[in-house]
Amino acid sequence: MEKIAFIFPGQGSQHAGMGKDLCDQFVEAREAFETADLALGSKLSTLCFEGPEEELQLTSNTQPALVATSIAAFRVLTSHGITPDFVAGHSLGEYSALVAAGSLALADAISLVRLRGELMQEAVPVGLGAMAAIIGIEAAEVSKACVEAADGEVCAPANFNTPTQTVIAGHADAIDRAVAICKQRGARKSVLLKVSAPFHCALMKPAQNGMFAPLSQTAFKDLSTPLINNVNATEVTSGDQAREGLVRQITAPVRWSDSITLLISKGVSTFVELGPRKVLLGLVKSIDRSLRLFNVEDRASLEATLTSLKQSS
């Protein structure tokens, strides 16, 4: 019998209008957004559905918006009888994955990621940091380039997305130097990312320190579905492990490629991305083109996913 992993996106997937179609048609989605609105004491749902886009792009709004949208999709899909054997989330998406795994209450996750976004934004003055995606050379070569480019500044891999796509983060000048080195060594492409802060590097230490107490004070239950976490790309089943992973991931790179490889080794052949766009499915396809890939972000994608999964069950 095929094994299914549900995967949850992080920043970069957001857009105005996300979640609205599901919310209009399914009570499970409406209830998820109502929980998020109550947790924040504001209409996050309206921001997701209507924008404005520039306000949605603020990290402190993006993070709770994506968790609410992903869990709305998750609850609608599971209400139709589809459940996962494993869960995983990219960066911020790990909070959504832990809600899906029954470890973290949705209201707690929403409050935590609002604070996480605020702390990340405050950790580094705008313009001081940068992130870039390096495409077309091995991760080990990118790591070497970061060491060479640092010159006393922070420059390090932030996301190991696929064997040949690595995102780097750090001080802006050091990132520019690393990009130049990678181009000299055969990188096919490099893209400076439109982000408000350099995530998953040592510059996020103030945010990590700020999240330690709130995470410590939040209840994390043992997981009903195993999680493959970002920081070690290992299987997590206890609430304490889940909490510790969320603390460490703030300054540590996302080991997405290793996480997907581990899931495949555990027999997962079907991946379902829950939330806006299909960014993670593109990464998974780059890792293994033989996998079955689906997403749920609106009614049309839900129905297509349900039809295919129920035919194969």
C-alpha atoms as a PDB file:
ATOM      1  CA  MET A   1       0.000   0.000   0.000  1.00  0.00           C
ATOM      2  CA  GLU A   2       1.393   3.387  -0.951  1.00  0.00           C
ATOM      3  CA  LYS A   3       2.526   5.756   1.770  1.00  0.00           C
ATOM      4  CA  ILE A   4       1.569   9.431   1.665  1.00  0.00           C
ATOM      5  CA  ALA A   5       3.390  12.461   3.018  1.00  0.00           C
ATOM      6  CA  PHE A   6       1.686  15.805   3.506  1.00  0.00           C
ATOM      7  CA  ILE A   7       4.065  18.725   3.014  1.00  0.00           C
ATOM      8  CA  PHE A   8       3.507  22.327   4.082  1.00  0.00           C
ATOM      9  CA  PRO A   9       5.012  25.427   2.414  1.00  0.00           C
ATOM     10  CA  GLY A  10       6.923  28.303   3.956  1.00  0.00           C
ATOM     11  CA  GLN A  11       7.441  31.894   2.909  1.00  0.00           C
ATOM     12  CA  GLY A  12       7.421  32.638  -0.789  1.00  0.00           C
ATOM     13  CA  SER A  13       4.126  30.842  -1.424  1.00  0.00           C
ATOM     14  CA  GLN A  14       1.796  33.575  -0.176  1.00  0.00           C
ATOM     15  CA  HIS A  15      -0.534  35.603  -2.385  1.00  0.00           C
ATOM     16  CA  ALA A  16      -3.705  37.635  -1.942  1.00  0.00           C
ATOM     17  CA  GLY A  17      -6.761  35.434  -2.390  1.00  0.00           C
ATOM     18  CA  MET A  18      -5.207  32.337  -0.855  1.00  0.00           C
ATOM     19  CA  GLY A  19      -7.625  30.143   1.045  1.00  0.00           C
ATOM     20  CA  LYS A  20     -10.734  32.036  -0.042  1.00  0.00           C
ATOM     21  CA  ASP A  21     -12.151  29.402  -2.383  1.00  0.00           C
ATOM     22  CA  LEU A  22     -11.902  26.677   0.267  1.00  0.00           C
ATOM     23  CA  CYS A  23     -13.276  28.996   2.943  1.00  0.00           C
ATOM     24  CA  ASP A  24     -16.275  29.891   0.788  1.00  0.00           C
ATOM     25  CA  GLN A  25     -17.197  26.231   0.318  1.00  0.00           C
ATOM     26  CA  PHE A  26     -16.053  24.199   3.343  1.00  0.00           C
ATOM     27  CA  VAL A  27     -16.869  24.702   7.004  1.00  0.00           C
ATOM     28  CA  GLU A  28     -13.562  23.093   8.011  1.00  0.00           C
ATOM     29  CA  ALA A  29     -11.647  25.844   6.227  1.00  0.00           C
ATOM     30  CA  ARG A  30     -13.833  28.590   7.691  1.00  0.00           C
ATOM     31  CA  GLU A  31     -13.254  27.255  11.196  1.00  0.00           C
ATOM     32  CA  ALA A  32      -9.475  27.274  10.687  1.00  0.00           C
ATOM     33  CA  PHE A  33      -9.521  30.935   9.657  1.00  0.00           C
ATOM     34  CA  GLU A  34     -11.892  31.819  12.503  1.00  0.00           C
ATOM     35  CA  THR A  35      -9.414  30.276  14.948  1.00  0.00           C
ATOM     36  CA  ALA A  36      -6.584  32.315  13.425  1.00  0.00           C
ATOM     37  CA  ASP A  37      -8.605  35.546  13.601  1.00  0.00           C
ATOM     38  CA  LEU A  38      -9.412  34.936  17.262  1.00  0.00           C
ATOM     39  CA  ALA A  39      -5.819  34.060  18.130  1.00  0.00           C
ATOM     40  CA  LEU A  40      -4.540  37.338  16.685  1.00  0.00           C
ATOM     41  CA  GLY A  41      -7.511  39.540  17.571  1.00  0.00           C
ATOM     42  CA  SER A  42      -7.632  40.802  13.991  1.00  0.00           C
ATOM     43  CA  LYS A  43      -9.029  39.796  10.600  1.00  0.00           C
ATOM     44  CA  LEU A  44      -6.141  37.738   9.218  1.00  0.00           C
ATOM     45  CA  SER A  45      -8.708  36.025   7.000  1.00  0.00           C
ATOM     46  CA  THR A  46      -9.563  39.298   5.236  1.00  0.00           C
ATOM     47  CA  LEU A  47      -5.869  39.973   4.620  1.00  0.00           C
ATOM     48  CA  CYS A  48      -5.452  36.502   3.102  1.00  0.00           C
ATOM     49  CA  PHE A  49      -8.524  36.783   0.903  1.00  0.00           C
ATOM     50  CA  GLU A  50      -8.304  40.424  -0.186  1.00  0.00           C
ATOM     51  CA  GLY A  51      -4.826  41.765   0.567  1.00  0.00           C
ATOM     52  CA  PRO A  52      -3.433  44.354   0.157  1.00  0.00           C
ATOM     53  CA  GLU A  53      -0.504  42.372  -1.208  1.00  0.00           C
ATOM     54  CA  GLU A  54       2.163  44.626   0.332  1.00  0.00           C
ATOM     55  CA  GLU A  55       0.691  44.093   3.813  1.00  0.00           C
ATOM     56  CA  LEU A  56       0.446  40.346   3.280  1.00  0.00           C
ATOM     57  CA  GLN A  57       4.149  40.293   2.339  1.00  0.00           C
ATOM     58  CA  LEU A  58       5.197  41.599   5.774  1.00  0.00           C
ATOM     59  CA  THR A  59       6.841  38.672   7.557  1.00  0.00           C
ATOM     60  CA  SER A  60       4.729  39.091  10.683  1.00  0.00           C
ATOM     61  CA  ASN A  61       1.591  38.688   8.531  1.00  0.00           C
ATOM     62  CA  THR A  62       2.932  36.175   6.027  1.00  0.00           C
ATOM     63  CA  GLN A  63       3.774  33.578   8.651  1.00  0.00           C
ATOM     64  CA  PRO A  64       0.361  33.267  10.369  1.00  0.00           C
ATOM     65  CA  ALA A  65      -1.394  33.669   6.997  1.00  0.00           C
ATOM     66  CA  LEU A  66       0.406  30.669   5.536  1.00  0.00           C
ATOM     67  CA  VAL A  67      -0.207  28.495   8.604  1.00  0.00           C
ATOM     68  CA  ALA A  68      -3.930  29.325   8.563  1.00  0.00           C
ATOM     69  CA  THR A  69      -4.221  28.660   4.823  1.00  0.00           C
ATOM     70  CA  SER A  70      -2.312  25.379   4.993  1.00  0.00           C
ATOM     71  CA  ILE A  71      -4.320  24.052   7.919  1.00  0.00           C
ATOM     72  CA  ALA A  72      -7.571  25.049   6.229  1.00  0.00           C
ATOM     73  CA  ALA A  73      -6.531  22.908   3.234  1.00  0.00           C
ATOM     74  CA  PHE A  74      -5.385  20.095   5.531  1.00  0.00           C
ATOM     75  CA  ARG A  75      -8.678  19.968   7.401  1.00  0.00           C
ATOM     76  CA  VAL A  76     -10.716  19.958   4.215  1.00  0.00           C
ATOM     77  CA  LEU A  77      -8.668  17.117   2.716  1.00  0.00           C
ATOM     78  CA  THR A  78      -8.739  14.965   5.856  1.00  0.00           C
ATOM     79  CA  SER A  79     -12.510  15.495   6.156  1.00  0.00           C
ATOM     80  CA  HIS A  80     -12.689  13.542   2.881  1.00  0.00           C
ATOM     81  CA  GLY A  81     -10.865  10.586   4.413  1.00  0.00           C
ATOM     82  CA  ILE A  82      -7.306  11.187   3.175  1.00  0.00           C
ATOM     83  CA  THR A  83      -4.707  11.037   5.949  1.00  0.00           C
ATOM     84  CA  PRO A  84      -0.898  11.078   5.872  1.00  0.00           C
ATOM     85  CA  ASP A  85       1.687   8.547   6.980  1.00  0.00           C
ATOM     86  CA  PHE A  86       4.233  11.339   7.493  1.00  0.00           C
ATOM     87  CA  VAL A  87       4.275  15.134   7.576  1.00  0.00           C
ATOM     88  CA  ALA A  88       6.994  17.680   6.837  1.00  0.00           C
ATOM     89  CA  GLY A  89       7.118  21.452   6.427  1.00  0.00           C
ATOM     90  CA  HIS A  90       9.631  23.788   4.833  1.00  0.00           C
ATOM     91  CA  SER A  91      10.862  26.298   7.443  1.00  0.00           C
ATOM     92  CA  LEU A  92       7.698  28.035   8.695  1.00  0.00           C
ATOM     93  CA  GLY A  93       5.758  25.073   7.262  1.00  0.00           C
ATOM     94  CA  GLU A  94       7.022  22.912  10.116  1.00  0.00           C
ATOM     95  CA  TYR A  95       4.553  24.718  12.396  1.00  0.00           C
ATOM     96  CA  SER A  96       1.713  23.744  10.045  1.00  0.00           C
ATOM     97  CA  ALA A  97       3.030  20.185   9.937  1.00  0.00           C
ATOM     98  CA  LEU A  98       3.011  19.984  13.739  1.00  0.00           C
ATOM     99  CA  VAL A  99      -0.586  21.216  13.856  1.00  0.00           C
ATOM    100  CA  ALA A 100      -1.464  18.527  11.312  1.00  0.00           C
ATOM    101  CA  ALA A 101       0.367  15.928  13.431  1.00  0.00           C
ATOM    102  CA  GLY A 102      -1.702  16.827  16.507  1.00  0.00           C
ATOM    103  CA  SER A 103       1.288  18.158  18.442  1.00  0.00           C
ATOM    104  CA  LEU A 104       0.529  21.884  18.394  1.00  0.00           C
ATOM    105  CA  ALA A 105      -2.821  23.650  18.717  1.00  0.00           C
ATOM    106  CA  LEU A 106      -3.652  25.866  15.734  1.00  0.00           C
ATOM    107  CA  ALA A 107      -4.256  28.935  17.922  1.00  0.00           C
ATOM    108  CA  ASP A 108      -0.863  28.455  19.582  1.00  0.00           C
ATOM    109  CA  ALA A 109       0.852  28.011  16.215  1.00  0.00           C
ATOM    110  CA  ILE A 110      -0.720  31.208  14.869  1.00  0.00           C
ATOM    111  CA  SER A 111       0.385  33.236  17.893  1.00  0.00           C
ATOM    112  CA  LEU A 112       3.888  31.761  17.809  1.00  0.00           C
ATOM    113  CA  VAL A 113       4.506  32.442  14.138  1.00  0.00           C
ATOM    114  CA  ARG A 114       3.232  36.019  14.413  1.00  0.00           C
ATOM    115  CA  LEU A 115       5.910  36.552  17.090  1.00  0.00           C
ATOM    116  CA  ARG A 116       8.464  34.595  15.049  1.00  0.00           C
ATOM    117  CA  GLY A 117       7.876  36.881  12.083  1.00  0.00           C
ATOM    118  CA  GLU A 118       8.216  40.017  14.188  1.00  0.00           C
ATOM    119  CA  LEU A 119      11.432  38.806  15.824  1.00  0.00           C
ATOM    120  CA  MET A 120      12.964  37.746  12.516  1.00  0.00           C
ATOM    121  CA  GLN A 121      12.194  41.135  10.990  1.00  0.00           C
ATOM    122  CA  GLU A 122      13.694  42.955  13.985  1.00  0.00           C
ATOM    123  CA  ALA A 123      16.840  40.790  14.110  1.00  0.00           C
ATOM    124  CA  VAL A 124      18.530  42.405  11.107  1.00  0.00           C
ATOM    125  CA  PRO A 125      18.101  45.996   9.860  1.00  0.00           C
ATOM    126  CA  VAL A 126      16.522  46.165   6.392  1.00  0.00           C
ATOM    127  CA  GLY A 127      19.215  46.124   3.703  1.00  0.00           C
ATOM    128  CA  LEU A 128      21.940  44.601   5.873  1.00  0.00           C
ATOM    129  CA  GLY A 129      21.103  41.006   5.009  1.00  0.00           C
ATOM    130  CA  ALA A 130      20.259  39.093   1.844  1.00  0.00           C
ATOM    131  CA  MET A 131      19.385  35.657   0.500  1.00  0.00           C
ATOM    132  CA  ALA A 132      20.115  34.124  -2.894  1.00  0.00           C
ATOM    133  CA  ALA A 133      19.221  30.865  -4.617  1.00  0.00           C
ATOM    134  CA  ILE A 134      22.145  29.138  -6.308  1.00  0.00           C
ATOM    135  CA  ILE A 135      21.091  26.704  -9.026  1.00  0.00           C
ATOM    136  CA  GLY A 136      23.086  24.189 -11.009  1.00  0.00           C
ATOM    137  CA  ILE A 137      25.988  23.205  -8.748  1.00  0.00           C
ATOM    138  CA  GLU A 138      26.278  20.769  -5.867  1.00  0.00           C
ATOM    139  CA  ALA A 139      25.497  21.907  -2.341  1.00  0.00           C
ATOM    140  CA  ALA A 140      29.029  21.067  -1.167  1.00  0.00           C
ATOM    141  CA  GLU A 141      30.457  23.553  -3.688  1.00  0.00           C
ATOM    142  CA  VAL A 142      28.044  26.248  -2.530  1.00  0.00           C
ATOM    143  CA  SER A 143      29.068  25.630   1.071  1.00  0.00           C
ATOM    144  CA  LYS A 144      32.731  26.060   0.141  1.00  0.00           C
ATOM    145  CA  ALA A 145      31.939  29.289  -1.706  1.00  0.00           C
ATOM    146  CA  CYS A 146      30.181  30.636   1.384  1.00  0.00           C
ATOM    147  CA  VAL A 147      33.245  29.973   3.536  1.00  0.00           C
ATOM    148  CA  GLU A 148      35.462  31.770   1.025  1.00  0.00           C
ATOM    149  CA  ALA A 149      33.074  34.705   0.624  1.00  0.00           C
ATOM    150  CA  ALA A 150      32.415  35.336   4.306  1.00  0.00           C
ATOM    151  CA  ASP A 151      35.533  37.451   5.040  1.00  0.00           C
ATOM    152  CA  GLY A 152      34.458  38.005   8.629  1.00  0.00           C
ATOM    153  CA  GLU A 153      30.770  38.356   7.791  1.00  0.00           C
ATOM    154  CA  VAL A 154      27.932  35.826   7.915  1.00  0.00           C
ATOM    155  CA  CYS A 155      27.475  33.794   4.726  1.00  0.00           C
ATOM    156  CA  ALA A 156      26.066  30.278   4.884  1.00  0.00           C
ATOM    157  CA  PRO A 157      23.652  27.806   3.289  1.00  0.00           C
ATOM    158  CA  ALA A 158      20.096  28.456   4.500  1.00  0.00           C
ATOM    159  CA  ASN A 159      18.047  25.932   2.496  1.00  0.00           C
ATOM    160  CA  PHE A 160      19.346  22.704   0.976  1.00  0.00           C
ATOM    161  CA  ASN A 161      16.346  22.445  -1.343  1.00  0.00           C
ATOM    162  CA  THR A 162      17.548  19.913  -3.931  1.00  0.00           C
ATOM    163  CA  PRO A 163      20.949  18.407  -4.736  1.00  0.00           C
ATOM    164  CA  THR A 164      21.572  21.328  -7.105  1.00  0.00           C
ATOM    165  CA  GLN A 165      19.534  24.158  -5.571  1.00  0.00           C
ATOM    166  CA  THR A 166      20.853  25.791  -2.426  1.00  0.00           C
ATOM    167  CA  VAL A 167      19.690  29.051  -0.895  1.00  0.00           C
ATOM    168  CA  ILE A 168      22.318  31.076   0.962  1.00  0.00           C
ATOM    169  CA  ALA A 169      21.839  33.785   3.589  1.00  0.00           C
ATOM    170  CA  GLY A 170      23.907  36.345   5.456  1.00  0.00           C
ATOM    171  CA  HIS A 171      25.288  39.849   5.135  1.00  0.00           C
ATOM    172  CA  ALA A 172      24.392  41.374   1.761  1.00  0.00           C
ATOM    173  CA  ASP A 173      27.981  42.050   0.640  1.00  0.00           C
ATOM    174  CA  ALA A 174      29.057  38.519   1.544  1.00  0.00           C
ATOM    175  CA  ILE A 175      26.116  37.057  -0.364  1.00  0.00           C
ATOM    176  CA  ASP A 176      27.154  39.071  -3.431  1.00  0.00           C
ATOM    177  CA  ARG A 177      30.685  37.677  -3.138  1.00  0.00           C
ATOM    178  CA  ALA A 178      29.397  34.112  -2.775  1.00  0.00           C
ATOM    179  CA  VAL A 179      27.138  34.490  -5.813  1.00  0.00           C
ATOM    180  CA  ALA A 180      30.129  35.643  -7.882  1.00  0.00           C
ATOM    181  CA  ILE A 181      32.243  32.691  -6.722  1.00  0.00           C
ATOM    182  CA  CYS A 182      29.455  30.227  -7.521  1.00  0.00           C
ATOM    183  CA  LYS A 183      29.079  31.678 -11.020  1.00  0.00           C
ATOM    184  CA  GLN A 184      32.815  31.217 -11.590  1.00  0.00           C
ATOM    185  CA  ARG A 185      32.458  27.577 -10.528  1.00  0.00           C
ATOM    186  CA  GLY A 186      29.676  26.740 -12.932  1.00  0.00           C
ATOM    187  CA  ALA A 187      26.405  27.747 -11.286  1.00  0.00           C
ATOM    188  CA  ARG A 188      23.755  27.844 -14.011  1.00  0.00           C
ATOM    189  CA  LYS A 189      21.742  30.562 -12.319  1.00  0.00           C
ATOM    190  CA  SER A 190      21.585  32.698  -9.206  1.00  0.00           C
ATOM    191  CA  VAL A 191      18.580  34.644  -7.973  1.00  0.00           C
ATOM    192  CA  LEU A 192      18.555  37.262  -5.238  1.00  0.00           C
ATOM    193  CA  LEU A 193      15.410  36.574  -3.235  1.00  0.00           C
ATOM    194  CA  LYS A 194      12.877  39.244  -2.317  1.00  0.00           C
ATOM    195  CA  VAL A 195      12.896  38.641   1.419  1.00  0.00           C
ATOM    196  CA  SER A 196      12.667  40.998   4.357  1.00  0.00           C
ATOM    197  CA  ALA A 197      15.447  39.328   6.346  1.00  0.00           C
ATOM    198  CA  PRO A 198      18.189  36.678   5.929  1.00  0.00           C
ATOM    199  CA  PHE A 199      16.512  33.597   7.398  1.00  0.00           C
ATOM    200  CA  HIS A 200      18.156  30.413   8.694  1.00  0.00           C
ATOM    201  CA  CYS A 201      21.598  31.823   9.432  1.00  0.00           C
ATOM    202  CA  ALA A 202      23.544  33.139  12.420  1.00  0.00           C
ATOM    203  CA  LEU A 203      22.084  36.638  11.939  1.00  0.00           C
ATOM    204  CA  MET A 204      18.801  35.207  13.251  1.00  0.00           C
ATOM    205  CA  LYS A 205      20.281  34.492  16.704  1.00  0.00           C
ATOM    206  CA  PRO A 206      18.314  37.371  18.348  1.00  0.00           C
ATOM    207  CA  ALA A 207      15.091  35.879  16.966  1.00  0.00           C
ATOM    208  CA  GLN A 208      16.078  32.435  18.232  1.00  0.00           C
ATOM    209  CA  ASN A 209      16.730  33.842  21.688  1.00  0.00           C
ATOM    210  CA  GLY A 210      13.390  35.631  21.625  1.00  0.00           C
ATOM    211  CA  MET A 211      11.465  32.487  20.665  1.00  0.00           C
ATOM    212  CA  PHE A 212      13.003  30.232  23.322  1.00  0.00           C
ATOM    213  CA  ALA A 213      10.718  31.231  26.211  1.00  0.00           C
ATOM    214  CA  PRO A 214       7.440  31.345  24.229  1.00  0.00           C
ATOM    215  CA  LEU A 215       8.144  27.911  22.742  1.00  0.00           C
ATOM    216  CA  SER A 216       9.125  26.536  26.159  1.00  0.00           C
ATOM    217  CA  GLN A 217       5.837  27.788  27.616  1.00  0.00           C
ATOM    218  CA  THR A 218       3.697  26.256  24.843  1.00  0.00           C
ATOM    219  CA  ALA A 219       2.219  22.758  25.108  1.00  0.00           C
ATOM    220  CA  PHE A 220       3.544  20.284  22.544  1.00  0.00           C
ATOM    221  CA  LYS A 221       1.871  16.863  22.550  1.00  0.00           C
ATOM    222  CA  ASP A 222       3.522  13.741  21.204  1.00  0.00           C
ATOM    223  CA  LEU A 223       2.806  13.448  17.493  1.00  0.00           C
ATOM    224  CA  SER A 224      -0.001  11.285  16.081  1.00  0.00           C
ATOM    225  CA  THR A 225       1.806  11.310  12.703  1.00  0.00           C
ATOM    226  CA  PRO A 226       5.621  11.253  12.441  1.00  0.00           C
ATOM    227  CA  LEU A 227       7.327  14.464  11.346  1.00  0.00           C
ATOM    228  CA  ILE A 228      10.530  14.698   9.336  1.00  0.00           C
ATOM    229  CA  ASN A 229      12.033  17.863  10.753  1.00  0.00           C
ATOM    230  CA  ASN A 230      14.099  20.585   9.075  1.00  0.00           C
ATOM    231  CA  VAL A 231      17.070  20.845  11.348  1.00  0.00           C
ATOM    232  CA  ASN A 232      18.247  17.210  11.277  1.00  0.00           C
ATOM    233  CA  ALA A 233      16.088  15.652   8.556  1.00  0.00           C
ATOM    234  CA  THR A 234      15.157  12.956  11.061  1.00  0.00           C
ATOM    235  CA  GLU A 235      11.883  11.403  12.192  1.00  0.00           C
ATOM    236  CA  VAL A 236      10.338  13.136  15.202  1.00  0.00           C
ATOM    237  CA  THR A 237       7.524  11.690  17.314  1.00  0.00           C
ATOM    238  CA  SER A 238       7.750  13.411  20.722  1.00  0.00           C
ATOM    239  CA  GLY A 239       6.515  16.856  21.638  1.00  0.00           C
ATOM    240  CA  ASP A 240       9.830  17.745  23.257  1.00  0.00           C
ATOM    241  CA  GLN A 241      11.719  16.867  20.064  1.00  0.00           C
ATOM    242  CA  ALA A 242       9.279  18.952  18.038  1.00  0.00           C
ATOM    243  CA  ARG A 243       9.721  22.009  20.260  1.00  0.00           C
ATOM    244  CA  GLU A 244      13.503  21.713  20.263  1.00  0.00           C
ATOM    245  CA  GLY A 245      13.543  21.490  16.472  1.00  0.00           C
ATOM    246  CA  LEU A 246      11.560  24.726  16.147  1.00  0.00           C
ATOM    247  CA  VAL A 247      14.070  26.545  18.334  1.00  0.00           C
ATOM    248  CA  ARG A 248      17.078  25.263  16.433  1.00  0.00           C
ATOM    249  CA  GLN A 249      15.658  25.763  12.924  1.00  0.00           C
ATOM    250  CA  ILE A 250      15.674  29.564  13.262  1.00  0.00           C
ATOM    251  CA  THR A 251      19.451  29.763  12.783  1.00  0.00           C
ATOM    252  CA  ALA A 252      20.029  26.381  11.106  1.00  0.00           C
ATOM    253  CA  PRO A 253      19.608  25.484   7.434  1.00  0.00           C
ATOM    254  CA  VAL A 254      16.491  23.718   6.141  1.00  0.00           C
ATOM    255  CA  ARG A 255      17.539  20.223   5.055  1.00  0.00           C
ATOM    256  CA  TRP A 256      14.691  19.745   2.604  1.00  0.00           C
ATOM    257  CA  SER A 257      16.494  17.552   0.081  1.00  0.00           C
ATOM    258  CA  ASP A 258      17.599  15.149   2.834  1.00  0.00           C
ATOM    259  CA  SER A 259      14.092  15.168   4.307  1.00  0.00           C
ATOM    260  CA  ILE A 260      12.492  14.148   1.023  1.00  0.00           C
ATOM    261  CA  THR A 261      15.138  11.485   0.436  1.00  0.00           C
ATOM    262  CA  LEU A 262      14.414  10.070   3.907  1.00  0.00           C
ATOM    263  CA  LEU A 263      10.676   9.977   3.224  1.00  0.00           C
ATOM    264  CA  ILE A 264      11.284   8.116  -0.031  1.00  0.00           C
ATOM    265  CA  SER A 265      13.466   5.614   1.838  1.00  0.00           C
ATOM    266  CA  LYS A 266      10.554   5.029   4.233  1.00  0.00           C
ATOM    267  CA  GLY A 267       8.315   4.041   1.343  1.00  0.00           C
ATOM    268  CA  VAL A 268       6.598   7.335   0.570  1.00  0.00           C
ATOM    269  CA  SER A 269       5.672   7.529  -3.100  1.00  0.00           C
ATOM    270  CA  THR A 270       2.933  10.190  -2.930  1.00  0.00           C
ATOM    271  CA  PHE A 271       3.344  13.784  -1.765  1.00  0.00           C
ATOM    272  CA  VAL A 272       0.500  16.240  -1.215  1.00  0.00           C
ATOM    273  CA  GLU A 273       1.326  19.926  -0.748  1.00  0.00           C
ATOM    274  CA  LEU A 274      -1.239  21.751   1.377  1.00  0.00           C
ATOM    275  CA  GLY A 275      -1.362  25.503   0.890  1.00  0.00           C
ATOM    276  CA  PRO A 276      -0.926  28.166  -1.765  1.00  0.00           C
ATOM    277  CA  ARG A 277       1.000  27.508  -4.967  1.00  0.00           C
ATOM    278  CA  LYS A 278       3.085  24.371  -5.608  1.00  0.00           C
ATOM    279  CA  VAL A 279       6.606  25.509  -4.745  1.00  0.00           C
ATOM    280  CA  LEU A 280       7.497  22.416  -2.731  1.00  0.00           C
ATOM    281  CA  LEU A 281       6.181  20.014  -5.363  1.00  0.00           C
ATOM    282  CA  GLY A 282       8.632  21.557  -7.827  1.00  0.00           C
ATOM    283  CA  LEU A 283      11.502  20.834  -5.431  1.00  0.00           C
ATOM    284  CA  VAL A 284      10.291  17.282  -4.794  1.00  0.00           C
ATOM    285  CA  LYS A 285      10.021  16.634  -8.528  1.00  0.00           C
ATOM    286  CA  SER A 286      13.631  17.799  -8.956  1.00  0.00           C
ATOM    287  CA  ILE A 287      14.703  15.229  -6.362  1.00  0.00           C
ATOM    288  CA  ASP A 288      12.760  12.276  -7.823  1.00  0.00           C
ATOM    289  CA  ARG A 289      10.636  12.542 -10.983  1.00  0.00           C
ATOM    290  CA  SER A 290       8.960   9.162 -10.401  1.00  0.00           C
ATOM    291  CA  LEU A 291       6.897  10.323  -7.415  1.00  0.00           C
ATOM    292  CA  ARG A 292       3.164  11.049  -7.480  1.00  0.00           C
ATOM    293  CA  LEU A 293       2.584  14.721  -6.672  1.00  0.00           C
ATOM    294  CA  PHE A 294      -0.639  16.515  -5.727  1.00  0.00           C
ATOM    295  CA  ASN A 295      -1.693  19.750  -4.090  1.00  0.00           C
ATOM    296  CA  VAL A 296      -4.705  21.252  -2.348  1.00  0.00           C
ATOM    297  CA  GLU A 297      -5.183  25.012  -2.468  1.00  0.00           C
ATOM    298  CA  ASP A 298      -8.721  25.406  -3.819  1.00  0.00           C
ATOM    299  CA  ARG A 299     -11.755  23.298  -4.733  1.00  0.00           C
ATOM    300  CA  ALA A 300     -10.447  22.334  -8.180  1.00  0.00           C
ATOM    301  CA  SER A 301      -7.114  21.033  -6.859  1.00  0.00           C
ATOM    302  CA  LEU A 302      -8.903  19.296  -3.970  1.00  0.00           C
ATOM    303  CA  GLU A 303     -11.217  17.418  -6.336  1.00  0.00           C
ATOM    304  CA  ALA A 304      -8.360  16.445  -8.657  1.00  0.00           C
ATOM    305  CA  THR A 305      -6.327  15.148  -5.709  1.00  0.00           C
ATOM    306  CA  LEU A 306      -9.268  13.225  -4.227  1.00  0.00           C
ATOM    307  CA  THR A 307     -10.101  11.605  -7.581  1.00  0.00           C
ATOM    308  CA  SER A 308      -6.526  10.421  -8.128  1.00  0.00           C
ATOM    309  CA  LEU A 309      -5.916   9.223  -4.576  1.00  0.00           C
ATOM    310  CA  LYS A 310      -9.192   7.356  -4.283  1.00  0.00           C
ATOM    311  CA  GLN A 311      -8.637   5.639  -7.648  1.00  0.00           C
ATOM    312  CA  SER A 312      -5.291   4.316  -6.426  1.00  0.00           C
ATOM    313  CA  SER A 313      -6.447   3.206  -2.963  1.00  0.00           C
END
